[in-house]
């Protein structure tokens, strides 16, 4: 039963990843592309968690926590950069 639910979740995450990749490639502005890249990283974490549930290895949860911390710091850094860039343009 868990495997079936994990398989369905995996398929949904892959479809969402494909759509996010399209937004990353097509996105008209830089913030759109940054949000799409952030979302792709979150989906990567979801894939790792799904694999952790299927395989039963808890060590992958630690990896996801490290990725999420780095992702958060990167997102904040890029947001600050864009804010400074916007203030300099005005």
C-alpha atoms as a PDB file:
ATOM      1  CA  UNK A   1       0.000   0.000   0.000  1.00  0.00           C
ATOM      2  CA  UNK A   2       2.809   2.428   0.877  1.00  0.00           C
ATOM      3  CA  UNK A   3       4.608   1.580  -2.354  1.00  0.00           C
ATOM      4  CA  UNK A   4       1.527   2.401  -4.417  1.00  0.00           C
ATOM      5  CA  UNK A   5       1.083   5.767  -2.717  1.00  0.00           C
ATOM      6  CA  UNK A   6       4.790   6.528  -3.076  1.00  0.00           C
ATOM      7  CA  UNK A   7       4.659   5.638  -6.767  1.00  0.00           C
ATOM      8  CA  UNK A   8       1.695   7.943  -7.328  1.00  0.00           C
ATOM      9  CA  UNK A   9       3.444  10.737  -5.417  1.00  0.00           C
ATOM     10  CA  UNK A  10       6.606  10.165  -7.453  1.00  0.00           C
ATOM     11  CA  UNK A  11       4.698  10.492 -10.737  1.00  0.00           C
ATOM     12  CA  UNK A  12       3.030  13.707  -9.554  1.00  0.00           C
ATOM     13  CA  UNK A  13       6.391  15.156  -8.482  1.00  0.00           C
ATOM     14  CA  UNK A  14       7.941  14.268 -11.853  1.00  0.00           C
ATOM     15  CA  UNK A  15       5.085  15.991 -13.713  1.00  0.00           C
ATOM     16  CA  UNK A  16       5.449  19.063 -11.491  1.00  0.00           C
ATOM     17  CA  UNK A  17       9.192  19.009 -12.144  1.00  0.00           C
ATOM     18  CA  UNK A  18       8.633  18.994 -15.885  1.00  0.00           C
ATOM     19  CA  UNK A  19       6.279  21.968 -15.627  1.00  0.00           C
ATOM     20  CA  UNK A  20       8.712  23.832 -13.365  1.00  0.00           C
ATOM     21  CA  UNK A  21      11.519  23.168 -15.830  1.00  0.00           C
ATOM     22  CA  UNK A  22       9.397  24.674 -18.592  1.00  0.00           C
ATOM     23  CA  UNK A  23       8.897  27.782 -16.451  1.00  0.00           C
ATOM     24  CA  UNK A  24      12.636  27.886 -15.797  1.00  0.00           C
ATOM     25  CA  UNK A  25      13.412  27.836 -19.503  1.00  0.00           C
ATOM     26  CA  UNK A  26      10.535  30.048 -20.652  1.00  0.00           C
ATOM     27  CA  UNK A  27      10.067  32.380 -17.652  1.00  0.00           C
ATOM     28  CA  UNK A  28       9.880  35.937 -18.900  1.00  0.00           C
ATOM     29  CA  UNK A  29      11.694  37.535 -15.957  1.00  0.00           C
ATOM     30  CA  UNK A  30      14.599  36.651 -13.701  1.00  0.00           C
ATOM     31  CA  UNK A  31      12.419  36.342 -10.554  1.00  0.00           C
ATOM     32  CA  UNK A  32      10.199  33.833 -12.391  1.00  0.00           C
ATOM     33  CA  UNK A  33      13.238  31.739 -13.200  1.00  0.00           C
ATOM     34  CA  UNK A  34      14.540  31.949  -9.647  1.00  0.00           C
ATOM     35  CA  UNK A  35      11.212  30.785  -8.232  1.00  0.00           C
ATOM     36  CA  UNK A  36      11.145  27.912 -10.738  1.00  0.00           C
ATOM     37  CA  UNK A  37      14.676  26.886  -9.773  1.00  0.00           C
ATOM     38  CA  UNK A  38      13.748  27.040  -6.094  1.00  0.00           C
ATOM     39  CA  UNK A  39      10.694  24.906  -6.793  1.00  0.00           C
ATOM     40  CA  UNK A  40      12.805  22.376  -8.720  1.00  0.00           C
ATOM     41  CA  UNK A  41      15.122  22.083  -5.731  1.00  0.00           C
ATOM     42  CA  UNK A  42      12.101  21.514  -3.475  1.00  0.00           C
ATOM     43  CA  UNK A  43      10.853  18.826  -5.829  1.00  0.00           C
ATOM     44  CA  UNK A  44      14.275  17.197  -5.698  1.00  0.00           C
ATOM     45  CA  UNK A  45      13.928  17.062  -1.933  1.00  0.00           C
ATOM     46  CA  UNK A  46      10.492  15.495  -2.369  1.00  0.00           C
ATOM     47  CA  UNK A  47      11.965  12.789  -4.612  1.00  0.00           C
ATOM     48  CA  UNK A  48      14.625  12.043  -2.006  1.00  0.00           C
ATOM     49  CA  UNK A  49      11.971  11.792   0.734  1.00  0.00           C
ATOM     50  CA  UNK A  50       9.830   9.478  -1.405  1.00  0.00           C
ATOM     51  CA  UNK A  51      12.867   7.300  -2.067  1.00  0.00           C
ATOM     52  CA  UNK A  52      13.579   7.298   1.674  1.00  0.00           C
ATOM     53  CA  UNK A  53      10.052   6.081   2.392  1.00  0.00           C
ATOM     54  CA  UNK A  54      10.293   3.334  -0.218  1.00  0.00           C
ATOM     55  CA  UNK A  55      13.769   2.136   0.757  1.00  0.00           C
ATOM     56  CA  UNK A  56      13.361   2.575   4.507  1.00  0.00           C
ATOM     57  CA  UNK A  57      16.706   4.380   4.901  1.00  0.00           C
ATOM     58  CA  UNK A  58      16.384   7.275   7.331  1.00  0.00           C
ATOM     59  CA  UNK A  59      19.764   8.779   6.421  1.00  0.00           C
ATOM     60  CA  UNK A  60      18.228  10.457   3.372  1.00  0.00           C
ATOM     61  CA  UNK A  61      16.099  12.661   5.641  1.00  0.00           C
ATOM     62  CA  UNK A  62      19.313  14.219   7.000  1.00  0.00           C
ATOM     63  CA  UNK A  63      20.430  14.949   3.449  1.00  0.00           C
ATOM     64  CA  UNK A  64      17.118  16.681   2.727  1.00  0.00           C
ATOM     65  CA  UNK A  65      17.505  18.858   5.830  1.00  0.00           C
ATOM     66  CA  UNK A  66      20.972  19.978   4.689  1.00  0.00           C
ATOM     67  CA  UNK A  67      19.699  20.707   1.166  1.00  0.00           C
ATOM     68  CA  UNK A  68      16.792  22.720   2.565  1.00  0.00           C
ATOM     69  CA  UNK A  69      19.099  24.869   4.695  1.00  0.00           C
ATOM     70  CA  UNK A  70      21.384  25.608   1.748  1.00  0.00           C
ATOM     71  CA  UNK A  71      18.359  26.289  -0.464  1.00  0.00           C
ATOM     72  CA  UNK A  72      16.928  28.741   2.070  1.00  0.00           C
ATOM     73  CA  UNK A  73      20.212  30.632   2.341  1.00  0.00           C
ATOM     74  CA  UNK A  74      20.522  30.781  -1.438  1.00  0.00           C
ATOM     75  CA  UNK A  75      16.975  32.054  -1.855  1.00  0.00           C
ATOM     76  CA  UNK A  76      17.478  34.786   0.733  1.00  0.00           C
ATOM     77  CA  UNK A  77      20.763  35.812  -0.879  1.00  0.00           C
ATOM     78  CA  UNK A  78      19.223  36.057  -4.333  1.00  0.00           C
ATOM     79  CA  UNK A  79      16.241  38.000  -2.984  1.00  0.00           C
ATOM     80  CA  UNK A  80      18.574  40.515  -1.323  1.00  0.00           C
ATOM     81  CA  UNK A  81      20.563  40.826  -4.563  1.00  0.00           C
ATOM     82  CA  UNK A  82      17.420  41.488  -6.597  1.00  0.00           C
ATOM     83  CA  UNK A  83      16.204  44.043  -4.059  1.00  0.00           C
ATOM     84  CA  UNK A  84      19.506  45.945  -4.198  1.00  0.00           C
ATOM     85  CA  UNK A  85      19.506  45.766  -7.981  1.00  0.00           C
ATOM     86  CA  UNK A  86      15.952  47.167  -8.080  1.00  0.00           C
ATOM     87  CA  UNK A  87      16.899  50.033  -5.739  1.00  0.00           C
ATOM     88  CA  UNK A  88      19.916  50.906  -7.890  1.00  0.00           C
ATOM     89  CA  UNK A  89      17.788  51.007 -11.041  1.00  0.00           C
ATOM     90  CA  UNK A  90      15.441  53.610  -9.555  1.00  0.00           C
END
